[in-house]
Amino acid sequence: VRIAAAVEVLHFAFLLHDDVIDGDLLRRGRPNLVGEILGDCHRDVVDASRALHWAQTCGILMGDLLLSASHQGFARADVPQAERLRLLDLLDLTITDSVAGEQVDVGLSDGVVDPELATILDMTTRKTATYTFELPLRMAAVLAGAPGGVERRLGRIGRHLGLAFQLQDDLLCAFGDPELHGKDRYSDLREGKQTAIIAAARATPEWPRVEALLGEAARSEENAATLSGLLAECGAQARVVELAERELRSAGELIHAPVGELPVGVRRVLLDLIGQLRGRSS
């Protein structure tokens, strides 16, 4: 339980830093920590830029504290020393991968990194899949005393599942119903994020129209809705749906692979998870 809680704390730390980097004040339609602090600041601080700086500083520092707390949770877990060291190694690898993914994500948004589809998929895997799926699955293998080959195989499965999950998130943000998924409607389109959807659109004849609308999406909800419709029309939506399904199929193949067969209970849980991911709307 302590280690599971430490992973949740790690998740919160990443979300806090991500919100500051992206300049977001909302998460799932409600004020995030920065937004809450900013709301309080406006009652006491007249200068808006100083209030925002204070709120974002609090977000960064709280994220730092949570990263430290996550390490403490792993380091003080009541498990044999060899397992503890392996878990700490996995934690460090996860943080390094996630930071690298975040850096590429910002580079894509700022035009420093070329927005190739392969780059975007690799960034998504590093930034999100490593800590949401790969780390928990590999941790479970270590704690269960599974062989190293099983741990690594579960890690590969986790990467496929995590990438599929994030691609679905991108689809929900651009095309889904916010009443169901709780995310800000069209937020990725308004912010001009270089998602797999945009990369897929870049390879279509409709790209000039998409590119022109990308610069206008932030101006109004109507412009963002028009862009969403064009991304569906040009085939970008269908392409990313297929990419997400490809990742789920790859995960399923690894689950069923005869070499180093996974325990029946583990296979059942993972296959149930794939079933839940298929066709998700939230």
Protein backbone atom coordinates (compact mmCIF):
# COMPACT_ATOMS: atom_id res chain seq x y z
CA VAL A 1 0.00 0.00 0.00
CA ARG A 2 2.83 2.40 0.85
CA ILE A 3 4.44 1.91 -2.55
CA ALA A 4 1.12 2.24 -4.39
CA ALA A 5 0.54 5.50 -2.52
CA ALA A 6 4.04 6.65 -3.47
CA VAL A 7 3.18 6.13 -7.15
CA GLU A 8 0.04 8.25 -6.71
CA VAL A 9 2.15 10.97 -5.09
CA LEU A 10 4.55 10.79 -8.05
CA HIS A 11 1.56 11.23 -10.37
CA PHE A 12 0.44 14.35 -8.47
CA ALA A 13 3.97 15.79 -8.67
CA PHE A 14 4.07 15.34 -12.44
CA LEU A 15 0.62 16.88 -12.84
CA LEU A 16 1.58 19.94 -10.80
CA HIS A 17 4.73 20.57 -12.81
CA ASP A 18 2.87 19.90 -16.06
CA ASP A 19 0.19 22.45 -15.18
CA VAL A 20 2.83 25.11 -14.50
CA ILE A 21 4.70 24.35 -17.74
CA ASP A 22 1.48 24.48 -19.78
CA GLY A 23 0.12 27.52 -17.95
CA ASP A 24 -3.07 25.62 -17.07
CA LEU A 25 -5.35 26.78 -14.27
CA LEU A 26 -7.93 23.99 -14.60
CA ARG A 27 -7.89 20.21 -14.41
CA ARG A 28 -11.02 18.26 -15.29
CA GLY A 29 -13.01 21.47 -15.39
CA ARG A 30 -12.07 22.58 -11.87
CA PRO A 31 -9.29 24.88 -10.60
CA ASN A 32 -6.02 23.04 -10.10
CA LEU A 33 -3.64 23.98 -7.28
CA VAL A 34 -2.28 26.96 -9.23
CA GLY A 35 -5.81 28.08 -10.06
CA GLU A 36 -6.95 27.80 -6.44
CA ILE A 37 -3.97 29.78 -5.14
CA LEU A 38 -4.37 32.37 -7.89
CA GLY A 39 -8.00 32.85 -6.91
CA ASP A 40 -6.97 33.51 -3.31
CA CYS A 41 -4.16 35.84 -4.44
CA HIS A 42 -6.47 38.11 -6.40
CA ARG A 43 -8.13 39.11 -3.14
CA ASP A 44 -4.82 40.23 -1.65
CA VAL A 45 -2.49 41.09 -4.56
CA VAL A 46 -3.48 43.77 -7.03
CA ASP A 47 -0.80 43.01 -9.64
CA ALA A 48 -2.02 40.06 -11.74
CA SER A 49 1.45 39.03 -12.95
CA ARG A 50 2.77 38.88 -9.38
CA ALA A 51 -0.23 36.83 -8.30
CA LEU A 52 0.32 34.35 -11.16
CA HIS A 53 4.05 34.13 -10.39
CA TRP A 54 3.26 33.35 -6.75
CA ALA A 55 0.68 30.70 -7.65
CA GLN A 56 2.98 28.99 -10.17
CA THR A 57 5.89 29.12 -7.73
CA CYS A 58 3.72 27.32 -5.18
CA GLY A 59 2.88 24.71 -7.83
CA ILE A 60 6.56 24.08 -8.62
CA LEU A 61 7.58 23.86 -4.98
CA MET A 62 4.70 21.57 -4.04
CA GLY A 63 5.60 19.33 -6.97
CA ASP A 64 9.19 19.20 -5.70
CA LEU A 65 7.98 18.20 -2.23
CA LEU A 66 5.79 15.48 -3.68
CA LEU A 67 8.70 14.07 -5.70
CA SER A 68 10.69 13.86 -2.48
CA ALA A 69 7.76 12.24 -0.68
CA SER A 70 7.44 9.65 -3.45
CA HIS A 71 11.11 8.70 -3.06
CA GLN A 72 10.60 8.41 0.70
CA GLY A 73 7.64 6.08 0.15
CA PHE A 74 9.76 3.76 -1.97
CA ALA A 75 12.84 3.96 0.28
CA ARG A 76 10.93 3.16 3.48
CA ALA A 77 8.80 0.34 2.10
CA ASP A 78 8.79 -2.76 4.29
CA VAL A 79 10.30 -5.10 1.69
CA PRO A 80 13.64 -6.94 1.41
CA GLN A 81 16.61 -4.74 0.59
CA ALA A 82 17.16 -6.21 -2.88
CA GLU A 83 13.55 -5.51 -3.85
CA ARG A 84 13.72 -2.00 -2.40
CA LEU A 85 16.81 -1.18 -4.46
CA ARG A 86 15.18 -2.54 -7.61
CA LEU A 87 12.06 -0.46 -6.95
CA LEU A 88 14.16 2.66 -6.44
CA ASP A 89 15.95 1.96 -9.72
CA LEU A 90 12.58 1.69 -11.47
CA LEU A 91 11.44 4.94 -9.87
CA ASP A 92 14.55 6.77 -11.07
CA LEU A 93 14.20 5.34 -14.58
CA THR A 94 10.56 6.42 -14.65
CA ILE A 95 11.31 9.97 -13.55
CA THR A 96 14.15 10.28 -16.08
CA ASP A 97 11.94 8.99 -18.90
CA SER A 98 9.03 11.24 -17.93
CA VAL A 99 11.23 14.33 -17.71
CA ALA A 100 12.73 13.55 -21.13
CA GLY A 101 9.22 13.14 -22.56
CA GLU A 102 8.06 16.42 -21.03
CA GLN A 103 11.09 18.22 -22.46
CA VAL A 104 10.33 16.93 -25.96
CA ASP A 105 6.65 17.88 -25.53
CA VAL A 106 7.60 21.48 -24.74
CA GLY A 107 10.10 21.44 -27.61
CA LEU A 108 7.33 20.35 -29.96
CA SER A 109 5.00 23.10 -28.74
CA ASP A 110 7.73 25.74 -29.05
CA GLY A 111 8.85 24.62 -32.49
CA VAL A 112 12.29 23.49 -31.31
CA VAL A 113 11.64 19.81 -32.11
CA ASP A 114 10.38 18.65 -35.52
CA PRO A 115 6.80 17.35 -35.16
CA GLU A 116 7.26 13.94 -36.77
CA LEU A 117 4.70 11.30 -35.83
CA ALA A 118 7.38 8.89 -34.60
CA THR A 119 8.81 11.60 -32.34
CA ILE A 120 5.39 12.41 -30.94
CA LEU A 121 4.62 8.75 -30.22
CA ASP A 122 7.98 8.29 -28.51
CA MET A 123 7.41 11.46 -26.47
CA THR A 124 3.96 10.27 -25.44
CA THR A 125 5.30 6.90 -24.36
CA ARG A 126 8.06 8.45 -22.27
CA LYS A 127 6.00 11.24 -20.76
CA THR A 128 2.89 9.26 -19.86
CA ALA A 129 3.06 5.50 -20.40
CA THR A 130 6.15 4.98 -18.25
CA TYR A 131 4.59 6.14 -14.98
CA THR A 132 0.91 5.35 -15.57
CA PHE A 133 1.24 1.73 -16.71
CA GLU A 134 4.83 0.52 -17.03
CA LEU A 135 6.00 1.43 -13.53
CA PRO A 136 3.01 -0.11 -11.66
CA LEU A 137 3.24 -3.35 -13.65
CA ARG A 138 6.99 -3.71 -13.17
CA MET A 139 6.63 -2.87 -9.47
CA ALA A 140 4.05 -5.61 -9.10
CA ALA A 141 6.42 -8.09 -10.72
CA VAL A 142 9.26 -7.13 -8.37
CA LEU A 143 7.06 -7.36 -5.27
CA ALA A 144 5.73 -10.75 -6.41
CA GLY A 145 9.26 -12.08 -6.85
CA ALA A 146 8.74 -12.67 -10.57
CA PRO A 147 11.74 -13.41 -12.83
CA GLY A 148 13.40 -10.46 -14.56
CA GLY A 149 12.06 -11.58 -17.94
CA VAL A 150 8.47 -11.37 -16.68
CA GLU A 151 9.13 -7.92 -15.22
CA ARG A 152 10.51 -6.62 -18.50
CA ARG A 153 7.66 -8.18 -20.47
CA LEU A 154 5.11 -6.52 -18.21
CA GLY A 155 6.97 -3.26 -18.77
CA ARG A 156 6.60 -3.63 -22.54
CA ILE A 157 2.90 -4.41 -22.11
CA GLY A 158 2.56 -1.33 -19.93
CA ARG A 159 4.16 0.88 -22.56
CA HIS A 160 1.69 -0.29 -25.20
CA LEU A 161 -1.27 0.18 -22.84
CA GLY A 162 -0.06 3.60 -21.70
CA LEU A 163 0.44 4.87 -25.23
CA ALA A 164 -3.01 3.62 -26.23
CA PHE A 165 -4.52 5.35 -23.19
CA GLN A 166 -2.88 8.69 -24.00
CA LEU A 167 -3.84 8.51 -27.68
CA GLN A 168 -7.41 7.95 -26.53
CA ASP A 169 -7.10 10.96 -24.22
CA ASP A 170 -5.99 13.07 -27.19
CA LEU A 171 -9.00 11.85 -29.16
CA LEU A 172 -11.39 12.60 -26.30
CA CYS A 173 -10.02 16.12 -25.95
CA ALA A 174 -10.42 16.86 -29.67
CA PHE A 175 -13.64 14.97 -30.43
CA GLY A 176 -15.23 13.70 -27.19
CA ASP A 177 -18.07 14.90 -25.01
CA PRO A 178 -16.71 16.90 -22.04
CA GLU A 179 -19.78 15.93 -20.04
CA LEU A 180 -18.49 12.35 -20.16
CA HIS A 181 -14.71 12.74 -20.02
CA GLY A 182 -14.47 15.81 -17.75
CA LYS A 183 -11.66 17.42 -19.74
CA ASP A 184 -11.61 20.95 -21.13
CA ARG A 185 -13.19 20.88 -24.57
CA TYR A 186 -10.65 21.40 -27.38
CA SER A 187 -7.92 22.47 -24.93
CA ASP A 188 -5.17 20.74 -26.95
CA LEU A 189 -6.43 22.42 -30.14
CA ARG A 190 -6.60 25.85 -28.51
CA GLU A 191 -3.07 25.47 -27.14
CA GLY A 192 -1.71 24.28 -30.48
CA LYS A 193 -0.33 21.08 -28.98
CA GLN A 194 1.55 18.80 -31.38
CA THR A 195 -0.39 15.61 -30.73
CA ALA A 196 -0.51 12.47 -32.87
CA ILE A 197 -3.77 13.82 -34.32
CA ILE A 198 -2.03 16.90 -35.69
CA ALA A 199 0.87 14.80 -36.98
CA ALA A 200 -1.59 12.53 -38.78
CA ALA A 201 -3.32 15.55 -40.32
CA ARG A 202 0.04 16.86 -41.53
CA ALA A 203 0.30 13.84 -43.84
CA THR A 204 -3.05 14.58 -45.56
CA PRO A 205 -3.94 16.90 -48.46
CA GLU A 206 -6.06 18.93 -46.01
CA TRP A 207 -3.01 20.01 -44.00
CA PRO A 208 -2.90 23.64 -45.30
CA ARG A 209 -6.46 24.18 -44.06
CA VAL A 210 -5.70 22.47 -40.74
CA GLU A 211 -2.54 24.53 -40.27
CA ALA A 212 -4.41 27.77 -40.92
CA LEU A 213 -7.09 26.86 -38.40
CA LEU A 214 -4.53 25.86 -35.76
CA GLY A 215 -3.60 29.49 -35.37
CA GLU A 216 -7.24 30.50 -35.00
CA ALA A 217 -8.48 27.78 -32.63
CA ALA A 218 -7.53 29.77 -29.53
CA ARG A 219 -9.66 32.73 -30.60
CA SER A 220 -13.07 31.12 -30.15
CA GLU A 221 -14.93 27.91 -29.38
CA GLU A 222 -16.40 28.05 -32.88
CA ASN A 223 -12.95 28.04 -34.50
CA ALA A 224 -11.86 25.12 -32.34
CA ALA A 225 -15.02 23.20 -33.25
CA THR A 226 -14.39 23.85 -36.95
CA LEU A 227 -10.84 22.54 -36.58
CA SER A 228 -12.13 19.44 -34.78
CA GLY A 229 -14.51 18.76 -37.65
CA LEU A 230 -11.76 19.17 -40.22
CA LEU A 231 -9.47 16.78 -38.32
CA ALA A 232 -12.22 14.17 -38.45
CA GLU A 233 -12.96 14.88 -42.11
CA CYS A 234 -9.34 14.60 -43.26
CA GLY A 235 -8.89 11.18 -41.65
CA ALA A 236 -6.61 12.21 -38.78
CA GLN A 237 -9.12 11.05 -36.18
CA ALA A 238 -9.48 7.63 -37.81
CA ARG A 239 -5.70 7.29 -38.13
CA VAL A 240 -5.14 7.87 -34.40
CA VAL A 241 -8.01 5.55 -33.49
CA GLU A 242 -6.19 2.89 -35.52
CA LEU A 243 -2.87 3.70 -33.80
CA ALA A 244 -4.47 3.28 -30.37
CA GLU A 245 -6.01 -0.02 -31.43
CA ARG A 246 -2.62 -1.17 -32.77
CA GLU A 247 -1.08 -0.58 -29.35
CA LEU A 248 -3.85 -2.56 -27.65
CA ARG A 249 -3.33 -5.43 -30.10
CA SER A 250 0.42 -5.38 -29.44
CA ALA A 251 -0.24 -5.54 -25.71
CA GLY A 252 -2.60 -8.48 -26.24
CA GLU A 253 -0.02 -10.35 -28.30
CA LEU A 254 2.56 -9.94 -25.54
CA ILE A 255 0.05 -11.15 -22.95
CA HIS A 256 -0.65 -14.31 -24.96
CA ALA A 257 2.96 -14.94 -26.05
CA PRO A 258 3.92 -18.54 -25.12
CA VAL A 259 7.53 -17.74 -24.18
CA GLY A 260 7.81 -16.96 -20.45
CA GLU A 261 4.07 -17.42 -20.01
CA LEU A 262 2.37 -15.05 -17.58
CA PRO A 263 0.30 -16.48 -14.70
CA VAL A 264 -3.37 -17.00 -15.55
CA GLY A 265 -4.54 -14.41 -13.03
CA VAL A 266 -2.18 -11.76 -14.41
CA ARG A 267 -3.29 -12.46 -17.98
CA ARG A 268 -6.93 -12.19 -16.95
CA VAL A 269 -6.42 -8.80 -15.26
CA LEU A 270 -4.49 -7.41 -18.23
CA LEU A 271 -7.02 -8.66 -20.78
CA ASP A 272 -9.84 -7.15 -18.72
CA LEU A 273 -7.92 -3.86 -18.75
CA ILE A 274 -7.64 -3.97 -22.54
CA GLY A 275 -11.39 -4.54 -22.71
CA GLN A 276 -11.99 -1.48 -20.53
CA LEU A 277 -9.71 0.66 -22.69
CA ARG A 278 -11.43 -0.27 -25.94
CA GLY A 279 -14.15 2.22 -26.74
CA ARG A 280 -13.64 4.31 -23.60
CA SER A 281 -15.47 7.64 -23.48
CA SER A 282 -14.04 9.04 -20.26
